[in-house]
């Protein structure tokens, strides 16, 4: 899978999740793997986080981590 930037990678995740259908465990593994590839969540922009939310990617992300991610993205915006 060739990607140019983080937003391309986020788009590819959405495509893969659509192909996985109802296999929730596989979707969770994909999300956690891609989150590792995106780098430190403290460096994510609000636009990247919003894009992942809009595509339903973060639905498979642990709730406690998601709260920290939201707070960090808002702080980065300042």
PDB file of N, CA and C in Angstrom:
ATOM      1  N   UNK A   1       0.854  -1.173   0.000  1.00  0.00           N
ATOM      2  CA  UNK A   1       0.000   0.000   0.000  1.00  0.00           C
ATOM      3  C   UNK A   1       0.898   1.235   0.000  1.00  0.00           C
ATOM      4  N   UNK A   2       0.804   2.018  -1.053  1.00  0.00           N
ATOM      5  CA  UNK A   2       1.600   3.240  -1.154  1.00  0.00           C
ATOM      6  C   UNK A   2       0.771   4.430  -0.711  1.00  0.00           C
ATOM      7  N   UNK A   3       1.309   5.199   0.204  1.00  0.00           N
ATOM      8  CA  UNK A   3       0.633   6.408   0.665  1.00  0.00           C
ATOM      9  C   UNK A   3       1.630   7.554   0.689  1.00  0.00           C
ATOM     10  N   UNK A   4       1.146   8.731   0.345  1.00  0.00           N
ATOM     11  CA  UNK A   4       1.997   9.915   0.301  1.00  0.00           C
ATOM     12  C   UNK A   4       2.071  10.627   1.650  1.00  0.00           C
ATOM     13  N   UNK A   5       0.956  10.638   2.378  1.00  0.00           N
ATOM     14  CA  UNK A   5       0.923  11.367   3.645  1.00  0.00           C
ATOM     15  C   UNK A   5      -0.095  10.727   4.589  1.00  0.00           C
ATOM     16  N   UNK A   6      -0.258  11.315   5.741  1.00  0.00           N
ATOM     17  CA  UNK A   6      -1.174  10.760   6.743  1.00  0.00           C
ATOM     18  C   UNK A   6      -2.612  10.715   6.241  1.00  0.00           C
ATOM     19  N   UNK A   7      -3.049  11.746   5.528  1.00  0.00           N
ATOM     20  CA  UNK A   7      -4.438  11.782   5.066  1.00  0.00           C
ATOM     21  C   UNK A   7      -4.697  10.672   4.039  1.00  0.00           C
ATOM     22  N   UNK A   8      -3.701  10.344   3.200  1.00  0.00           N
ATOM     23  CA  UNK A   8      -3.843   9.223   2.271  1.00  0.00           C
ATOM     24  C   UNK A   8      -3.997   7.916   3.041  1.00  0.00           C
ATOM     25  N   UNK A   9      -3.201   7.765   4.090  1.00  0.00           N
ATOM     26  CA  UNK A   9      -3.266   6.559   4.908  1.00  0.00           C
ATOM     27  C   UNK A   9      -4.636   6.435   5.570  1.00  0.00           C
ATOM     28  N   UNK A  10      -5.160   7.538   6.049  1.00  0.00           N
ATOM     29  CA  UNK A  10      -6.488   7.533   6.669  1.00  0.00           C
ATOM     30  C   UNK A  10      -7.542   7.098   5.652  1.00  0.00           C
ATOM     31  N   UNK A  11      -7.423   7.575   4.419  1.00  0.00           N
ATOM     32  CA  UNK A  11      -8.346   7.170   3.360  1.00  0.00           C
ATOM     33  C   UNK A  11      -8.250   5.685   3.058  1.00  0.00           C
ATOM     34  N   UNK A  12      -7.044   5.153   3.054  1.00  0.00           N
ATOM     35  CA  UNK A  12      -6.849   3.720   2.792  1.00  0.00           C
ATOM     36  C   UNK A  12      -7.456   2.872   3.907  1.00  0.00           C
ATOM     37  N   UNK A  13      -7.370   3.341   5.154  1.00  0.00           N
ATOM     38  CA  UNK A  13      -7.957   2.595   6.273  1.00  0.00           C
ATOM     39  C   UNK A  13      -9.450   2.437   6.055  1.00  0.00           C
ATOM     40  N   UNK A  14     -10.103   3.499   5.629  1.00  0.00           N
ATOM     41  CA  UNK A  14     -11.545   3.454   5.399  1.00  0.00           C
ATOM     42  C   UNK A  14     -11.876   2.417   4.322  1.00  0.00           C
ATOM     43  N   UNK A  15     -11.064   2.348   3.269  1.00  0.00           N
ATOM     44  CA  UNK A  15     -11.279   1.358   2.210  1.00  0.00           C
ATOM     45  C   UNK A  15     -11.126  -0.064   2.753  1.00  0.00           C
ATOM     46  N   UNK A  16     -10.090  -0.292   3.534  1.00  0.00           N
ATOM     47  CA  UNK A  16      -9.843  -1.621   4.100  1.00  0.00           C
ATOM     48  C   UNK A  16     -10.976  -2.011   5.040  1.00  0.00           C
ATOM     49  N   UNK A  17     -11.421  -1.089   5.883  1.00  0.00           N
ATOM     50  CA  UNK A  17     -12.521  -1.384   6.803  1.00  0.00           C
ATOM     51  C   UNK A  17     -13.786  -1.760   6.044  1.00  0.00           C
ATOM     52  N   UNK A  18     -14.042  -1.103   4.921  1.00  0.00           N
ATOM     53  CA  UNK A  18     -15.224  -1.428   4.121  1.00  0.00           C
ATOM     54  C   UNK A  18     -15.118  -2.855   3.576  1.00  0.00           C
ATOM     55  N   UNK A  19     -13.928  -3.265   3.177  1.00  0.00           N
ATOM     56  CA  UNK A  19     -13.733  -4.613   2.639  1.00  0.00           C
ATOM     57  C   UNK A  19     -13.825  -5.683   3.721  1.00  0.00           C
ATOM     58  N   UNK A  20     -13.511  -5.325   4.966  1.00  0.00           N
ATOM     59  CA  UNK A  20     -13.558  -6.299   6.058  1.00  0.00           C
ATOM     60  C   UNK A  20     -14.987  -6.622   6.488  1.00  0.00           C
ATOM     61  N   UNK A  21     -15.927  -5.795   6.093  1.00  0.00           N
ATOM     62  CA  UNK A  21     -17.326  -6.058   6.413  1.00  0.00           C
ATOM     63  C   UNK A  21     -17.606  -6.038   7.898  1.00  0.00           C
ATOM     64  N   UNK A  22     -18.107  -7.158   8.428  1.00  0.00           N
ATOM     65  CA  UNK A  22     -18.536  -7.187   9.826  1.00  0.00           C
ATOM     66  C   UNK A  22     -17.493  -7.792  10.771  1.00  0.00           C
ATOM     67  N   UNK A  23     -16.296  -8.027  10.308  1.00  0.00           N
ATOM     68  CA  UNK A  23     -15.249  -8.611  11.148  1.00  0.00           C
ATOM     69  C   UNK A  23     -14.650  -7.530  12.048  1.00  0.00           C
ATOM     70  N   UNK A  24     -15.274  -7.307  13.198  1.00  0.00           N
ATOM     71  CA  UNK A  24     -14.882  -6.224  14.103  1.00  0.00           C
ATOM     72  C   UNK A  24     -13.484  -6.421  14.680  1.00  0.00           C
ATOM     73  N   UNK A  25     -13.120  -7.647  14.972  1.00  0.00           N
ATOM     74  CA  UNK A  25     -11.788  -7.914  15.540  1.00  0.00           C
ATOM     75  C   UNK A  25     -10.697  -7.536  14.535  1.00  0.00           C
ATOM     76  N   UNK A  26     -10.909  -7.879  13.274  1.00  0.00           N
ATOM     77  CA  UNK A  26      -9.929  -7.532  12.237  1.00  0.00           C
ATOM     78  C   UNK A  26      -9.842  -6.019  12.066  1.00  0.00           C
ATOM     79  N   UNK A  27     -10.977  -5.339  12.127  1.00  0.00           N
ATOM     80  CA  UNK A  27     -10.980  -3.878  12.009  1.00  0.00           C
ATOM     81  C   UNK A  27     -10.193  -3.243  13.149  1.00  0.00           C
ATOM     82  N   UNK A  28     -10.361  -3.787  14.341  1.00  0.00           N
ATOM     83  CA  UNK A  28      -9.639  -3.258  15.501  1.00  0.00           C
ATOM     84  C   UNK A  28      -8.133  -3.420  15.319  1.00  0.00           C
ATOM     85  N   UNK A  29      -7.716  -4.588  14.819  1.00  0.00           N
ATOM     86  CA  UNK A  29      -6.283  -4.817  14.586  1.00  0.00           C
ATOM     87  C   UNK A  29      -5.737  -3.875  13.524  1.00  0.00           C
ATOM     88  N   UNK A  30      -6.514  -3.642  12.466  1.00  0.00           N
ATOM     89  CA  UNK A  30      -6.086  -2.724  11.407  1.00  0.00           C
ATOM     90  C   UNK A  30      -5.907  -1.322  11.973  1.00  0.00           C
ATOM     91  N   UNK A  31      -6.879  -0.865  12.741  1.00  0.00           N
ATOM     92  CA  UNK A  31      -6.808   0.490  13.302  1.00  0.00           C
ATOM     93  C   UNK A  31      -5.597   0.633  14.211  1.00  0.00           C
ATOM     94  N   UNK A  32      -5.373  -0.318  15.084  1.00  0.00           N
ATOM     95  CA  UNK A  32      -4.243  -0.214  16.000  1.00  0.00           C
ATOM     96  C   UNK A  32      -2.915  -0.247  15.241  1.00  0.00           C
ATOM     97  N   UNK A  33      -2.846  -1.039  14.184  1.00  0.00           N
ATOM     98  CA  UNK A  33      -1.635  -1.098  13.365  1.00  0.00           C
ATOM     99  C   UNK A  33      -1.380   0.228  12.658  1.00  0.00           C
ATOM    100  N   UNK A  34      -2.433   0.796  12.107  1.00  0.00           N
ATOM    101  CA  UNK A  34      -2.288   2.047  11.372  1.00  0.00           C
ATOM    102  C   UNK A  34      -1.979   3.197  12.317  1.00  0.00           C
ATOM    103  N   UNK A  35      -2.566   3.181  13.494  1.00  0.00           N
ATOM    104  CA  UNK A  35      -2.277   4.226  14.478  1.00  0.00           C
ATOM    105  C   UNK A  35      -0.778   4.222  14.782  1.00  0.00           C
ATOM    106  N   UNK A  36      -0.189   3.033  14.857  1.00  0.00           N
ATOM    107  CA  UNK A  36       1.260   2.952  15.060  1.00  0.00           C
ATOM    108  C   UNK A  36       2.015   3.581  13.892  1.00  0.00           C
ATOM    109  N   UNK A  37       1.529   3.363  12.673  1.00  0.00           N
ATOM    110  CA  UNK A  37       2.183   3.914  11.479  1.00  0.00           C
ATOM    111  C   UNK A  37       2.049   5.437  11.401  1.00  0.00           C
ATOM    112  N   UNK A  38       0.963   5.967  11.945  1.00  0.00           N
ATOM    113  CA  UNK A  38       0.747   7.416  11.895  1.00  0.00           C
ATOM    114  C   UNK A  38       1.679   8.174  12.834  1.00  0.00           C
ATOM    115  N   UNK A  39       2.317   7.452  13.711  1.00  0.00           N
ATOM    116  CA  UNK A  39       3.245   8.109  14.632  1.00  0.00           C
ATOM    117  C   UNK A  39       2.563   8.521  15.921  1.00  0.00           C
ATOM    118  N   UNK A  40       3.263   9.314  16.668  1.00  0.00           N
ATOM    119  CA  UNK A  40       2.807   9.746  17.981  1.00  0.00           C
ATOM    120  C   UNK A  40       1.515  10.559  17.870  1.00  0.00           C
ATOM    121  N   UNK A  41       0.427  10.106  18.501  1.00  0.00           N
ATOM    122  CA  UNK A  41      -0.839  10.844  18.435  1.00  0.00           C
ATOM    123  C   UNK A  41      -0.742  12.275  18.947  1.00  0.00           C
ATOM    124  N   UNK A  42       0.277  12.562  19.751  1.00  0.00           N
ATOM    125  CA  UNK A  42       0.443  13.934  20.239  1.00  0.00           C
ATOM    126  C   UNK A  42       0.777  14.898  19.108  1.00  0.00           C
ATOM    127  N   UNK A  43       1.197  14.368  17.967  1.00  0.00           N
ATOM    128  CA  UNK A  43       1.545  15.216  16.829  1.00  0.00           C
ATOM    129  C   UNK A  43       0.438  15.290  15.780  1.00  0.00           C
ATOM    130  N   UNK A  44      -0.681  14.628  16.009  1.00  0.00           N
ATOM    131  CA  UNK A  44      -1.771  14.638  15.039  1.00  0.00           C
ATOM    132  C   UNK A  44      -2.488  15.976  15.084  1.00  0.00           C
ATOM    133  N   UNK A  45      -2.948  16.399  13.940  1.00  0.00           N
ATOM    134  CA  UNK A  45      -3.705  17.647  13.870  1.00  0.00           C
ATOM    135  C   UNK A  45      -5.178  17.365  14.116  1.00  0.00           C
ATOM    136  N   UNK A  46      -5.912  18.410  14.403  1.00  0.00           N
ATOM    137  CA  UNK A  46      -7.354  18.260  14.604  1.00  0.00           C
ATOM    138  C   UNK A  46      -8.019  17.762  13.322  1.00  0.00           C
ATOM    139  N   UNK A  47      -7.542  18.209  12.163  1.00  0.00           N
ATOM    140  CA  UNK A  47      -8.109  17.774  10.880  1.00  0.00           C
ATOM    141  C   UNK A  47      -7.925  16.272  10.681  1.00  0.00           C
ATOM    142  N   UNK A  48      -6.770  15.738  11.054  1.00  0.00           N
ATOM    143  CA  UNK A  48      -6.533  14.303  10.928  1.00  0.00           C
ATOM    144  C   UNK A  48      -7.457  13.520  11.853  1.00  0.00           C
ATOM    145  N   UNK A  49      -7.601  13.987  13.077  1.00  0.00           N
ATOM    146  CA  UNK A  49      -8.484  13.310  14.033  1.00  0.00           C
ATOM    147  C   UNK A  49      -9.929  13.375  13.543  1.00  0.00           C
ATOM    148  N   UNK A  50     -10.363  14.540  13.084  1.00  0.00           N
ATOM    149  CA  UNK A  50     -11.732  14.694  12.581  1.00  0.00           C
ATOM    150  C   UNK A  50     -11.980  13.796  11.374  1.00  0.00           C
ATOM    151  N   UNK A  51     -10.994  13.674  10.493  1.00  0.00           N
ATOM    152  CA  UNK A  51     -11.128  12.816   9.323  1.00  0.00           C
ATOM    153  C   UNK A  51     -11.291  11.353   9.735  1.00  0.00           C
ATOM    154  N   UNK A  52     -10.512  10.921  10.724  1.00  0.00           N
ATOM    155  CA  UNK A  52     -10.628   9.538  11.191  1.00  0.00           C
ATOM    156  C   UNK A  52     -11.982   9.295  11.846  1.00  0.00           C
ATOM    157  N   UNK A  53     -12.481  10.275  12.569  1.00  0.00           N
ATOM    158  CA  UNK A  53     -13.807  10.137  13.189  1.00  0.00           C
ATOM    159  C   UNK A  53     -14.886  10.056  12.116  1.00  0.00           C
ATOM    160  N   UNK A  54     -14.799  10.922  11.117  1.00  0.00           N
ATOM    161  CA  UNK A  54     -15.814  10.971  10.060  1.00  0.00           C
ATOM    162  C   UNK A  54     -15.871   9.663   9.278  1.00  0.00           C
ATOM    163  N   UNK A  55     -14.741   9.015   9.117  1.00  0.00           N
ATOM    164  CA  UNK A  55     -14.689   7.762   8.363  1.00  0.00           C
ATOM    165  C   UNK A  55     -14.971   6.547   9.241  1.00  0.00           C
ATOM    166  N   UNK A  56     -15.226   6.776  10.525  1.00  0.00           N
ATOM    167  CA  UNK A  56     -15.561   5.679  11.433  1.00  0.00           C
ATOM    168  C   UNK A  56     -14.365   4.853  11.868  1.00  0.00           C
ATOM    169  N   UNK A  57     -13.175   5.364  11.632  1.00  0.00           N
ATOM    170  CA  UNK A  57     -11.967   4.614  11.961  1.00  0.00           C
ATOM    171  C   UNK A  57     -11.770   4.527  13.465  1.00  0.00           C
ATOM    172  N   UNK A  58     -11.968   5.626  14.151  1.00  0.00           N
ATOM    173  CA  UNK A  58     -11.705   5.654  15.588  1.00  0.00           C
ATOM    174  C   UNK A  58     -12.788   4.965  16.405  1.00  0.00           C
ATOM    175  N   UNK A  59     -13.796   4.452  15.747  1.00  0.00           N
ATOM    176  CA  UNK A  59     -14.826   3.681  16.441  1.00  0.00           C
ATOM    177  C   UNK A  59     -14.207   2.426  17.057  1.00  0.00           C
ATOM    178  N   UNK A  60     -13.104   1.971  16.502  1.00  0.00           N
ATOM    179  CA  UNK A  60     -12.439   0.757  16.968  1.00  0.00           C
ATOM    180  C   UNK A  60     -11.236   1.065  17.850  1.00  0.00           C
ATOM    181  N   UNK A  61     -11.098   2.309  18.250  1.00  0.00           N
ATOM    182  CA  UNK A  61      -9.974   2.761  19.079  1.00  0.00           C
ATOM    183  C   UNK A  61     -10.422   2.741  20.537  1.00  0.00           C
ATOM    184  N   UNK A  62      -9.584   2.287  21.468  1.00  0.00           N
ATOM    185  CA  UNK A  62      -9.985   2.220  22.886  1.00  0.00           C
ATOM    186  C   UNK A  62     -10.469   3.585  23.410  1.00  0.00           C
ATOM    187  N   UNK A  63     -11.592   3.619  24.136  1.00  0.00           N
ATOM    188  CA  UNK A  63     -12.191   4.884  24.593  1.00  0.00           C
ATOM    189  C   UNK A  63     -11.261   5.780  25.410  1.00  0.00           C
ATOM    190  N   UNK A  64     -10.470   5.214  26.294  1.00  0.00           N
ATOM    191  CA  UNK A  64      -9.572   6.046  27.105  1.00  0.00           C
ATOM    192  C   UNK A  64      -8.527   6.728  26.227  1.00  0.00           C
ATOM    193  N   UNK A  65      -8.012   6.002  25.262  1.00  0.00           N
ATOM    194  CA  UNK A  65      -7.033   6.594  24.347  1.00  0.00           C
ATOM    195  C   UNK A  65      -7.686   7.651  23.468  1.00  0.00           C
ATOM    196  N   UNK A  66      -8.934   7.420  23.090  1.00  0.00           N
ATOM    197  CA  UNK A  66      -9.642   8.377  22.244  1.00  0.00           C
ATOM    198  C   UNK A  66      -9.836   9.703  22.972  1.00  0.00           C
ATOM    199  N   UNK A  67     -10.140   9.658  24.246  1.00  0.00           N
ATOM    200  CA  UNK A  67     -10.297  10.888  25.029  1.00  0.00           C
ATOM    201  C   UNK A  67      -8.991  11.665  25.067  1.00  0.00           C
ATOM    202  N   UNK A  68      -7.896  10.963  25.312  1.00  0.00           N
ATOM    203  CA  UNK A  68      -6.583  11.631  25.316  1.00  0.00           C
ATOM    204  C   UNK A  68      -6.262  12.202  23.944  1.00  0.00           C
ATOM    205  N   UNK A  69      -6.606  11.470  22.902  1.00  0.00           N
ATOM    206  CA  UNK A  69      -6.355  11.910  21.529  1.00  0.00           C
ATOM    207  C   UNK A  69      -7.121  13.189  21.217  1.00  0.00           C
ATOM    208  N   UNK A  70      -8.390  13.238  21.599  1.00  0.00           N
ATOM    209  CA  UNK A  70      -9.203  14.440  21.376  1.00  0.00           C
ATOM    210  C   UNK A  70      -8.614  15.642  22.103  1.00  0.00           C
ATOM    211  N   UNK A  71      -8.252  15.449  23.352  1.00  0.00           N
ATOM    212  CA  UNK A  71      -7.686  16.547  24.141  1.00  0.00           C
ATOM    213  C   UNK A  71      -6.372  17.037  23.545  1.00  0.00           C
ATOM    214  N   UNK A  72      -5.530  16.114  23.116  1.00  0.00           N
ATOM    215  CA  UNK A  72      -4.237  16.481  22.535  1.00  0.00           C
ATOM    216  C   UNK A  72      -4.414  17.232  21.230  1.00  0.00           C
ATOM    217  N   UNK A  73      -5.343  16.793  20.383  1.00  0.00           N
ATOM    218  CA  UNK A  73      -5.579  17.472  19.105  1.00  0.00           C
ATOM    219  C   UNK A  73      -6.052  18.900  19.338  1.00  0.00           C
ATOM    220  N   UNK A  74      -6.885  19.091  20.346  1.00  0.00           N
ATOM    221  CA  UNK A  74      -7.352  20.445  20.651  1.00  0.00           C
ATOM    222  C   UNK A  74      -6.217  21.323  21.164  1.00  0.00           C
ATOM    223  N   UNK A  75      -5.344  20.745  21.976  1.00  0.00           N
ATOM    224  CA  UNK A  75      -4.194  21.503  22.481  1.00  0.00           C
ATOM    225  C   UNK A  75      -3.259  21.875  21.331  1.00  0.00           C
ATOM    226  N   UNK A  76      -3.041  20.945  20.395  1.00  0.00           N
ATOM    227  CA  UNK A  76      -2.165  21.212  19.250  1.00  0.00           C
ATOM    228  C   UNK A  76      -2.706  22.339  18.383  1.00  0.00           C
ATOM    229  N   UNK A  77      -4.014  22.516  18.390  1.00  0.00           N
ATOM    230  CA  UNK A  77      -4.652  23.550  17.570  1.00  0.00           C
ATOM    231  C   UNK A  77      -4.312  24.946  18.084  1.00  0.00           C
ATOM    232  N   UNK A  78      -4.069  25.070  19.370  1.00  0.00           N
ATOM    233  CA  UNK A  78      -3.809  26.380  19.987  1.00  0.00           C
ATOM    234  C   UNK A  78      -2.500  26.977  19.535  1.00  0.00           C
TER     235      UNK A  78
END
